[in-house]
Protein backbone atom coordinates (compact mmCIF):
# COMPACT_ATOMS: atom_id res chain seq x y z
CA UNK A 1 -85.42 -31.60 55.51
CA UNK A 2 -85.92 -32.76 59.14
CA UNK A 3 -83.12 -34.19 61.15
CA UNK A 4 -82.56 -36.00 64.52
CA UNK A 5 -79.43 -37.16 66.31
CA UNK A 6 -78.97 -38.81 69.59
CA UNK A 7 -77.24 -41.73 71.62
CA UNK A 8 -78.78 -44.44 73.72
CA UNK A 9 -77.69 -46.96 76.28
CA UNK A 10 -79.47 -49.81 74.73
CA UNK A 11 -78.79 -53.19 73.18
CA UNK A 12 -77.94 -52.55 69.47
CA UNK A 13 -80.02 -55.27 67.82
CA UNK A 14 -82.97 -54.54 70.00
CA UNK A 15 -82.81 -50.88 69.17
CA UNK A 16 -82.27 -51.66 65.32
CA UNK A 17 -85.26 -54.01 65.38
CA UNK A 18 -87.44 -51.50 67.10
CA UNK A 19 -86.49 -48.73 64.63
CA UNK A 20 -87.35 -50.89 61.73
CA UNK A 21 -90.74 -52.07 63.12
CA UNK A 22 -91.68 -48.76 64.50
CA UNK A 23 -91.11 -46.80 61.43
CA UNK A 24 -92.79 -49.39 59.03
CA UNK A 25 -95.76 -49.76 61.46
CA UNK A 26 -95.94 -46.04 62.05
CA UNK A 27 -97.56 -45.36 58.62
CA UNK A 28 -99.76 -47.32 56.30
CA UNK A 29 -97.62 -46.53 53.27
CA UNK A 30 -94.24 -46.88 55.00
CA UNK A 31 -91.74 -49.42 53.64
CA UNK A 32 -88.09 -50.41 54.39
CA UNK A 33 -86.58 -49.86 50.92
CA UNK A 34 -82.95 -50.90 51.52
CA UNK A 35 -80.47 -51.75 54.16
CA UNK A 36 -76.63 -52.05 54.74
CA UNK A 37 -74.62 -53.26 57.62
CA UNK A 38 -70.99 -52.82 58.29
CA UNK A 39 -68.76 -54.38 60.89
CA UNK A 40 -65.24 -53.36 62.16
CA UNK A 41 -62.99 -54.83 64.65
CA UNK A 42 -64.75 -53.20 67.59
CA UNK A 43 -67.65 -51.24 65.85
CA UNK A 44 -70.76 -51.74 63.75
CA UNK A 45 -72.91 -49.51 61.70
CA UNK A 46 -76.40 -50.05 60.16
CA UNK A 47 -78.02 -47.92 57.54
CA UNK A 48 -81.86 -48.20 56.80
CA UNK A 49 -83.69 -46.20 54.14
CA UNK A 50 -87.56 -46.02 54.51
CA UNK A 51 -90.05 -44.44 52.22
CA UNK A 52 -93.67 -43.46 52.54
CA UNK A 53 -96.29 -41.34 50.82
CA UNK A 54 -97.14 -37.98 52.13
CA UNK A 55 -100.83 -37.28 51.71
CA UNK A 56 -100.26 -33.69 52.77
CA UNK A 57 -97.59 -33.02 50.17
CA UNK A 58 -98.97 -35.39 47.65
CA UNK A 59 -95.54 -36.99 47.15
CA UNK A 60 -93.15 -39.62 48.50
CA UNK A 61 -90.57 -38.94 51.13
CA UNK A 62 -87.61 -40.83 52.60
CA UNK A 63 -86.20 -41.27 56.01
CA UNK A 64 -82.58 -42.53 56.32
CA UNK A 65 -81.52 -43.89 59.74
CA UNK A 66 -77.99 -44.69 60.62
CA UNK A 67 -76.94 -46.51 63.84
CA UNK A 68 -73.34 -46.68 65.00
CA UNK A 69 -71.70 -48.32 67.97
CA UNK A 70 -68.07 -48.71 69.01
CA UNK A 71 -67.28 -51.29 71.55
CA UNK A 72 -69.61 -50.98 74.56
CA UNK A 73 -70.26 -47.25 74.07
CA UNK A 74 -73.70 -45.84 73.64
CA UNK A 75 -75.58 -46.46 70.29
CA UNK A 76 -75.54 -43.37 68.25
CA UNK A 77 -78.27 -42.65 65.79
CA UNK A 78 -78.80 -40.12 63.04
CA UNK A 79 -81.98 -39.82 61.04
CA UNK A 80 -82.81 -37.49 58.12
CA UNK A 81 -86.13 -37.22 56.45
CA UNK A 82 -86.33 -35.71 52.99
CA UNK A 83 -88.50 -35.08 49.98
CA UNK A 84 -91.76 -33.93 51.56
CA UNK A 85 -91.62 -30.34 50.51
CA UNK A 86 -93.32 -28.69 47.61
CA UNK A 87 -92.20 -25.74 45.45
CA UNK A 88 -89.74 -25.51 42.66
CA UNK A 89 -87.39 -22.99 44.15
CA UNK A 90 -88.31 -22.70 47.78
CA UNK A 91 -89.03 -25.50 50.22
CA UNK A 92 -92.77 -25.22 51.10
CA UNK A 93 -94.70 -27.52 53.36
CA UNK A 94 -92.07 -29.67 55.15
CA UNK A 95 -94.77 -31.09 57.42
CA UNK A 96 -94.47 -34.48 55.79
CA UNK A 97 -90.88 -34.78 56.63
CA UNK A 98 -91.33 -33.80 60.24
CA UNK A 99 -94.21 -36.20 60.53
CA UNK A 100 -92.17 -39.08 59.17
CA UNK A 101 -89.29 -38.33 61.41
CA UNK A 102 -91.70 -38.21 64.41
CA UNK A 103 -92.63 -41.97 63.79
CA UNK A 104 -88.99 -42.55 64.63
CA UNK A 105 -88.73 -40.31 67.57
CA UNK A 106 -91.80 -41.86 69.08
CA UNK A 107 -90.10 -45.23 69.01
CA UNK A 108 -86.93 -43.83 70.58
CA UNK A 109 -88.93 -42.36 73.59
CA UNK A 110 -88.87 -45.78 75.00
CA UNK A 111 -85.10 -45.76 75.20
CA UNK A 112 -84.64 -42.37 77.00
């Protein structure tokens, strides 16, 4: 499993659109599998689940991305990639998970 967390001074919708486009366009086999959006009195939360094929691991892996913003505070983001390891007991070859997560972090460099 590979994980990233951060916060950004960015327009929520712009960041969400950049994440969706950047992850899907970052890999030939990547796809946005599902989405959820929640709204509170002064907050919003978006969950996106992406999936792609890992040629290295010979399997599929997922990337779950959550954005959250309360009022005018920074947009918080959490991303977790999973499923790219091989091995029945021990996690071996987590390269695919890290590589999938890197497609997201490359998008986020624009917002640093």
